[in-house]
N, C-alpha and C. Protein backbone atom coordinates (compact mmCIF):
# COMPACT_ATOMS: atom_id res chain seq x y z
N MET A 1 -35.84 15.81 -38.52
CA MET A 1 -35.17 14.54 -38.64
C MET A 1 -35.46 13.65 -37.42
N TRP A 2 -35.52 14.25 -36.24
CA TRP A 2 -35.78 13.51 -35.03
C TRP A 2 -37.15 12.84 -35.08
N ILE A 3 -38.14 13.58 -35.60
CA ILE A 3 -39.49 13.03 -35.70
C ILE A 3 -39.50 11.84 -36.64
N PHE A 4 -38.76 11.93 -37.72
CA PHE A 4 -38.70 10.85 -38.69
C PHE A 4 -38.11 9.59 -38.05
N SER A 5 -37.02 9.72 -37.28
CA SER A 5 -36.40 8.54 -36.65
C SER A 5 -37.33 7.95 -35.58
N LYS A 6 -38.05 8.80 -34.89
CA LYS A 6 -38.99 8.31 -33.88
C LYS A 6 -40.14 7.56 -34.56
N LEU A 7 -40.63 8.11 -35.65
CA LEU A 7 -41.70 7.47 -36.40
C LEU A 7 -41.25 6.12 -36.93
N MET A 8 -40.05 6.05 -37.44
CA MET A 8 -39.53 4.79 -37.97
C MET A 8 -39.37 3.75 -36.86
N SER A 9 -38.95 4.19 -35.69
CA SER A 9 -38.77 3.23 -34.60
C SER A 9 -40.12 2.68 -34.13
N VAL A 10 -41.15 3.52 -34.15
CA VAL A 10 -42.49 3.06 -33.77
C VAL A 10 -43.01 2.08 -34.81
N ILE A 11 -42.76 2.37 -36.07
CA ILE A 11 -43.22 1.48 -37.15
C ILE A 11 -42.54 0.12 -37.03
N LYS A 12 -41.24 0.14 -36.69
CA LYS A 12 -40.49 -1.11 -36.55
C LYS A 12 -40.85 -1.87 -35.28
N GLY A 13 -41.56 -1.23 -34.35
CA GLY A 13 -41.97 -1.91 -33.14
C GLY A 13 -41.08 -1.62 -31.95
N ASP A 14 -40.11 -0.76 -32.09
CA ASP A 14 -39.22 -0.41 -30.99
C ASP A 14 -39.89 0.69 -30.18
N THR A 15 -40.37 0.35 -28.99
CA THR A 15 -41.10 1.33 -28.19
C THR A 15 -40.22 1.99 -27.13
N ARG A 16 -38.95 1.60 -27.05
CA ARG A 16 -38.07 2.23 -26.07
C ARG A 16 -37.76 3.66 -26.48
N PRO A 17 -37.82 4.58 -25.55
CA PRO A 17 -37.48 5.96 -25.90
C PRO A 17 -35.99 6.09 -26.17
N LYS A 18 -35.67 6.88 -27.16
CA LYS A 18 -34.28 7.10 -27.51
C LYS A 18 -33.90 8.51 -27.12
N THR A 19 -32.79 8.63 -26.48
CA THR A 19 -32.30 9.96 -26.11
C THR A 19 -31.07 10.25 -26.94
N ALA A 20 -30.94 11.49 -27.31
CA ALA A 20 -29.86 11.88 -28.20
C ALA A 20 -28.50 11.85 -27.52
N ASN A 21 -28.45 12.17 -26.25
CA ASN A 21 -27.15 12.28 -25.60
C ASN A 21 -26.91 11.21 -24.56
N ALA A 22 -27.58 10.08 -24.64
CA ALA A 22 -27.37 9.00 -23.68
C ALA A 22 -26.09 8.26 -24.03
N ALA A 23 -25.23 8.10 -23.06
CA ALA A 23 -23.98 7.37 -23.26
C ALA A 23 -24.26 5.88 -23.09
N PRO A 24 -23.54 5.06 -23.82
CA PRO A 24 -23.74 3.62 -23.65
C PRO A 24 -23.29 3.19 -22.25
N ALA A 25 -24.03 2.25 -21.70
CA ALA A 25 -23.68 1.75 -20.36
C ALA A 25 -22.38 0.97 -20.44
N LYS A 26 -21.56 1.16 -19.44
CA LYS A 26 -20.29 0.45 -19.40
C LYS A 26 -20.30 -0.49 -18.22
N GLY A 27 -19.70 -1.64 -18.40
CA GLY A 27 -19.58 -2.60 -17.32
C GLY A 27 -18.44 -2.22 -16.39
N ARG A 28 -18.17 -3.08 -15.45
CA ARG A 28 -17.13 -2.81 -14.47
C ARG A 28 -15.76 -2.69 -15.15
N ALA A 29 -15.49 -3.49 -16.14
CA ALA A 29 -14.19 -3.45 -16.80
C ALA A 29 -13.99 -2.15 -17.58
N GLY A 30 -15.06 -1.60 -18.12
CA GLY A 30 -14.96 -0.38 -18.90
C GLY A 30 -15.45 0.84 -18.15
N SER A 31 -15.32 0.81 -16.86
CA SER A 31 -15.83 1.90 -16.03
C SER A 31 -15.13 3.21 -16.36
N ALA A 32 -15.90 4.28 -16.34
CA ALA A 32 -15.36 5.60 -16.60
C ALA A 32 -14.74 6.20 -15.35
N VAL A 33 -14.94 5.56 -14.19
CA VAL A 33 -14.39 6.07 -12.93
C VAL A 33 -12.99 5.49 -12.74
N PRO A 34 -11.99 6.37 -12.61
CA PRO A 34 -10.64 5.85 -12.42
C PRO A 34 -10.48 5.20 -11.05
N THR A 35 -9.72 4.14 -10.99
CA THR A 35 -9.48 3.45 -9.72
C THR A 35 -7.99 3.33 -9.48
N VAL A 36 -7.64 3.16 -8.23
CA VAL A 36 -6.25 2.98 -7.85
C VAL A 36 -6.16 1.65 -7.12
N ARG A 37 -5.23 0.83 -7.52
CA ARG A 37 -5.05 -0.46 -6.85
C ARG A 37 -4.26 -0.26 -5.57
N PHE A 38 -4.70 -0.93 -4.52
CA PHE A 38 -4.03 -0.85 -3.23
C PHE A 38 -2.98 -1.94 -3.16
N ASP A 39 -1.79 -1.59 -2.69
CA ASP A 39 -0.72 -2.56 -2.54
C ASP A 39 -0.74 -3.11 -1.11
N PRO A 40 -1.14 -4.38 -0.93
CA PRO A 40 -1.23 -4.94 0.41
C PRO A 40 0.12 -5.03 1.13
N LYS A 41 1.22 -4.87 0.42
CA LYS A 41 2.55 -4.89 1.04
C LYS A 41 2.75 -3.70 1.97
N ARG A 42 1.91 -2.69 1.83
CA ARG A 42 2.01 -1.50 2.68
C ARG A 42 1.53 -1.78 4.09
N VAL A 43 0.85 -2.91 4.28
CA VAL A 43 0.40 -3.29 5.62
C VAL A 43 1.57 -4.00 6.30
N THR A 44 2.40 -3.21 6.96
CA THR A 44 3.62 -3.71 7.59
C THR A 44 3.33 -4.27 8.98
N GLU A 45 4.36 -4.82 9.60
CA GLU A 45 4.22 -5.34 10.96
C GLU A 45 3.83 -4.22 11.93
N ALA A 46 4.36 -3.02 11.72
CA ALA A 46 4.02 -1.89 12.58
C ALA A 46 2.54 -1.57 12.50
N VAL A 47 1.97 -1.67 11.31
CA VAL A 47 0.54 -1.42 11.12
C VAL A 47 -0.27 -2.49 11.84
N LYS A 48 0.18 -3.74 11.73
CA LYS A 48 -0.53 -4.85 12.38
C LYS A 48 -0.51 -4.72 13.90
N VAL A 49 0.65 -4.34 14.46
CA VAL A 49 0.76 -4.16 15.91
C VAL A 49 -0.13 -3.01 16.37
N ASP A 50 -0.12 -1.92 15.62
CA ASP A 50 -0.96 -0.77 15.96
C ASP A 50 -2.44 -1.13 15.88
N LEU A 51 -2.80 -1.94 14.89
CA LEU A 51 -4.18 -2.38 14.73
C LEU A 51 -4.61 -3.21 15.95
N LYS A 52 -3.75 -4.11 16.39
CA LYS A 52 -4.05 -4.92 17.57
C LYS A 52 -4.25 -4.04 18.80
N ASN A 53 -3.35 -3.08 18.99
CA ASN A 53 -3.46 -2.19 20.15
C ASN A 53 -4.74 -1.35 20.11
N ASN A 54 -5.10 -0.89 18.93
CA ASN A 54 -6.32 -0.07 18.81
C ASN A 54 -7.58 -0.90 19.06
N ILE A 55 -7.57 -2.16 18.66
CA ILE A 55 -8.73 -3.03 18.91
C ILE A 55 -8.88 -3.29 20.40
N LYS A 56 -7.74 -3.49 21.08
CA LYS A 56 -7.77 -3.74 22.52
C LYS A 56 -8.32 -2.54 23.30
N LYS A 57 -8.20 -1.35 22.76
CA LYS A 57 -8.69 -0.14 23.43
C LYS A 57 -10.20 0.05 23.31
N ILE A 58 -10.83 -0.68 22.40
CA ILE A 58 -12.26 -0.51 22.17
C ILE A 58 -13.03 -1.31 23.23
N LYS A 59 -13.86 -0.63 23.98
CA LYS A 59 -14.52 -1.23 25.14
C LYS A 59 -15.51 -2.33 24.78
N GLU A 60 -16.06 -2.31 23.58
CA GLU A 60 -17.07 -3.30 23.19
C GLU A 60 -16.48 -4.70 22.95
N PHE A 61 -15.18 -4.79 22.72
CA PHE A 61 -14.56 -6.07 22.40
C PHE A 61 -13.78 -6.60 23.59
N ASP A 62 -13.93 -7.91 23.82
CA ASP A 62 -13.14 -8.56 24.85
C ASP A 62 -12.26 -9.63 24.19
N GLU A 63 -11.58 -10.41 25.00
CA GLU A 63 -10.66 -11.42 24.46
C GLU A 63 -11.37 -12.48 23.63
N SER A 64 -12.63 -12.75 23.93
CA SER A 64 -13.34 -13.82 23.22
C SER A 64 -13.59 -13.50 21.74
N ASN A 65 -13.69 -12.22 21.42
CA ASN A 65 -13.93 -11.88 20.01
C ASN A 65 -12.81 -11.04 19.41
N PHE A 66 -11.69 -10.94 20.11
CA PHE A 66 -10.57 -10.14 19.62
C PHE A 66 -10.03 -10.67 18.29
N GLU A 67 -9.82 -11.98 18.21
CA GLU A 67 -9.20 -12.58 17.02
C GLU A 67 -10.05 -12.36 15.77
N LYS A 68 -11.35 -12.53 15.90
CA LYS A 68 -12.24 -12.33 14.74
C LYS A 68 -12.22 -10.88 14.28
N VAL A 69 -12.25 -9.95 15.24
CA VAL A 69 -12.22 -8.52 14.89
C VAL A 69 -10.88 -8.17 14.26
N TYR A 70 -9.79 -8.72 14.79
CA TYR A 70 -8.46 -8.44 14.24
C TYR A 70 -8.35 -8.95 12.81
N GLU A 71 -8.79 -10.19 12.57
CA GLU A 71 -8.71 -10.76 11.21
C GLU A 71 -9.54 -9.94 10.23
N ALA A 72 -10.74 -9.55 10.63
CA ALA A 72 -11.60 -8.73 9.76
C ALA A 72 -10.99 -7.35 9.53
N SER A 73 -10.38 -6.78 10.57
CA SER A 73 -9.73 -5.47 10.43
C SER A 73 -8.57 -5.55 9.46
N LEU A 74 -7.77 -6.59 9.61
CA LEU A 74 -6.62 -6.78 8.72
C LEU A 74 -7.07 -6.97 7.28
N GLN A 75 -8.12 -7.73 7.09
CA GLN A 75 -8.67 -7.93 5.75
C GLN A 75 -9.21 -6.62 5.18
N SER A 76 -9.89 -5.85 6.01
CA SER A 76 -10.44 -4.57 5.59
C SER A 76 -9.35 -3.60 5.15
N VAL A 77 -8.31 -3.51 5.95
CA VAL A 77 -7.19 -2.61 5.62
C VAL A 77 -6.45 -3.11 4.38
N SER A 78 -6.25 -4.42 4.28
CA SER A 78 -5.52 -5.00 3.14
C SER A 78 -6.27 -4.86 1.82
N ARG A 79 -7.58 -4.72 1.90
CA ARG A 79 -8.38 -4.54 0.69
C ARG A 79 -8.51 -3.08 0.30
N GLY A 80 -7.79 -2.22 0.98
CA GLY A 80 -7.84 -0.81 0.63
C GLY A 80 -9.02 -0.09 1.25
N ARG A 81 -9.21 -0.25 2.54
CA ARG A 81 -10.26 0.43 3.31
C ARG A 81 -11.65 -0.10 2.98
N ASP A 82 -11.81 -1.41 2.92
CA ASP A 82 -13.11 -2.01 2.68
C ASP A 82 -13.87 -2.05 4.00
N LEU A 83 -14.60 -0.98 4.28
CA LEU A 83 -15.29 -0.83 5.56
C LEU A 83 -16.43 -1.83 5.72
N GLY A 84 -17.01 -2.24 4.63
CA GLY A 84 -18.14 -3.18 4.68
C GLY A 84 -17.76 -4.52 5.28
N VAL A 85 -16.56 -4.99 4.98
CA VAL A 85 -16.09 -6.27 5.51
C VAL A 85 -16.02 -6.22 7.03
N LEU A 86 -15.41 -5.17 7.54
CA LEU A 86 -15.23 -5.04 8.98
C LEU A 86 -16.56 -4.77 9.69
N THR A 87 -17.38 -3.92 9.12
CA THR A 87 -18.69 -3.63 9.71
C THR A 87 -19.53 -4.90 9.80
N ALA A 88 -19.54 -5.69 8.74
CA ALA A 88 -20.31 -6.94 8.74
C ALA A 88 -19.77 -7.93 9.78
N ALA A 89 -18.46 -8.01 9.90
CA ALA A 89 -17.86 -8.93 10.88
C ALA A 89 -18.22 -8.52 12.31
N ILE A 90 -18.22 -7.22 12.56
CA ILE A 90 -18.58 -6.74 13.89
C ILE A 90 -20.05 -7.03 14.18
N MET A 91 -20.90 -6.83 13.19
CA MET A 91 -22.33 -7.10 13.38
C MET A 91 -22.59 -8.60 13.57
N ASP A 92 -21.77 -9.45 12.95
CA ASP A 92 -21.92 -10.90 13.08
C ASP A 92 -21.62 -11.39 14.50
N LEU A 93 -20.91 -10.59 15.27
CA LEU A 93 -20.62 -10.97 16.65
C LEU A 93 -21.86 -10.92 17.53
N LYS A 94 -22.86 -10.18 17.08
CA LYS A 94 -24.13 -10.03 17.81
C LYS A 94 -23.90 -9.58 19.25
N LEU A 95 -23.09 -8.55 19.40
CA LEU A 95 -22.82 -7.99 20.71
C LEU A 95 -24.03 -7.18 21.19
N PRO A 96 -24.30 -7.20 22.49
CA PRO A 96 -25.43 -6.41 22.99
C PRO A 96 -25.16 -4.91 22.78
N ASP A 97 -26.17 -4.19 22.40
CA ASP A 97 -26.11 -2.75 22.17
C ASP A 97 -25.20 -2.33 21.01
N MET A 98 -24.81 -3.27 20.15
CA MET A 98 -23.98 -2.91 18.99
C MET A 98 -24.90 -2.60 17.82
N THR A 99 -24.91 -1.36 17.40
CA THR A 99 -25.72 -0.94 16.26
C THR A 99 -24.85 -0.94 15.02
N LYS A 100 -25.51 -0.92 13.88
CA LYS A 100 -24.76 -0.88 12.63
C LYS A 100 -23.97 0.43 12.53
N ARG A 101 -24.55 1.47 13.05
CA ARG A 101 -23.87 2.77 13.04
C ARG A 101 -22.58 2.72 13.86
N ARG A 102 -22.67 2.14 15.07
CA ARG A 102 -21.48 2.04 15.92
C ARG A 102 -20.44 1.13 15.28
N ALA A 103 -20.87 0.03 14.68
CA ALA A 103 -19.94 -0.87 13.99
C ALA A 103 -19.24 -0.13 12.84
N GLY A 104 -19.98 0.70 12.12
CA GLY A 104 -19.39 1.49 11.04
C GLY A 104 -18.40 2.51 11.56
N GLU A 105 -18.72 3.12 12.71
CA GLU A 105 -17.80 4.09 13.31
C GLU A 105 -16.49 3.42 13.73
N ILE A 106 -16.60 2.22 14.31
CA ILE A 106 -15.41 1.47 14.71
C ILE A 106 -14.59 1.11 13.49
N ALA A 107 -15.25 0.62 12.44
CA ALA A 107 -14.55 0.24 11.21
C ALA A 107 -13.83 1.44 10.61
N LEU A 108 -14.49 2.58 10.57
CA LEU A 108 -13.88 3.78 10.01
C LEU A 108 -12.69 4.23 10.85
N SER A 109 -12.85 4.20 12.16
CA SER A 109 -11.77 4.62 13.05
C SER A 109 -10.53 3.73 12.89
N LEU A 110 -10.73 2.42 12.89
CA LEU A 110 -9.59 1.50 12.76
C LEU A 110 -8.90 1.67 11.41
N ASN A 111 -9.70 1.84 10.36
CA ASN A 111 -9.12 2.02 9.02
C ASN A 111 -8.39 3.36 8.91
N ASN A 112 -8.94 4.41 9.49
CA ASN A 112 -8.28 5.72 9.45
C ASN A 112 -6.93 5.68 10.16
N LYS A 113 -6.88 5.02 11.31
CA LYS A 113 -5.63 4.94 12.06
C LYS A 113 -4.59 4.12 11.31
N ALA A 114 -5.01 3.03 10.70
CA ALA A 114 -4.08 2.20 9.93
C ALA A 114 -3.59 2.96 8.68
N THR A 115 -4.48 3.66 8.01
CA THR A 115 -4.10 4.43 6.83
C THR A 115 -3.13 5.55 7.18
N ALA A 116 -3.37 6.22 8.30
CA ALA A 116 -2.47 7.28 8.73
C ALA A 116 -1.07 6.75 8.99
N LEU A 117 -0.99 5.57 9.57
CA LEU A 117 0.32 4.97 9.85
C LEU A 117 1.00 4.55 8.55
N MET A 118 0.24 4.06 7.58
CA MET A 118 0.83 3.65 6.31
C MET A 118 1.33 4.83 5.49
N LYS A 119 0.74 6.01 5.68
CA LYS A 119 1.15 7.19 4.93
C LYS A 119 2.37 7.87 5.50
N ARG A 120 2.81 7.47 6.68
CA ARG A 120 4.01 8.09 7.29
C ARG A 120 5.25 7.69 6.57
C-alpha cells in the first residue's frame, strides 16, 4: 500500500517525501511544550532592594551604568528569568574586558538570587 501511495504522489507531481509517523508542525499557540506564566507581582520591594545591592557588589559596574543594569535586571526578572534581555543590556554597555560569557554569568547570578528570594 505504501508503494502505491508513493507512486500516486509522484504521478501527481508531489516530490516531497512523506513519512508515516511525522506529526504536523504546530505554531507557538499550539505548542506541545507546557508553559507556566510568571506573575510579575512576585517581584516585591524586597526583591528590588536585593537586586540593587547585588548589582552594587559586581566590580564591573560603576555608578555611571548602574541604572541601566538595574532596569535591565528588573525587566529580566519580571519576564520570568529572561536572561537574554539582561545579557544584551550588559553587552550594550561596551565595558572593557566584558565578554558575552561573563555577561551571561552575571545575568544568571542576578536572576538566581532574585528567584531564590521570591521562593522564600
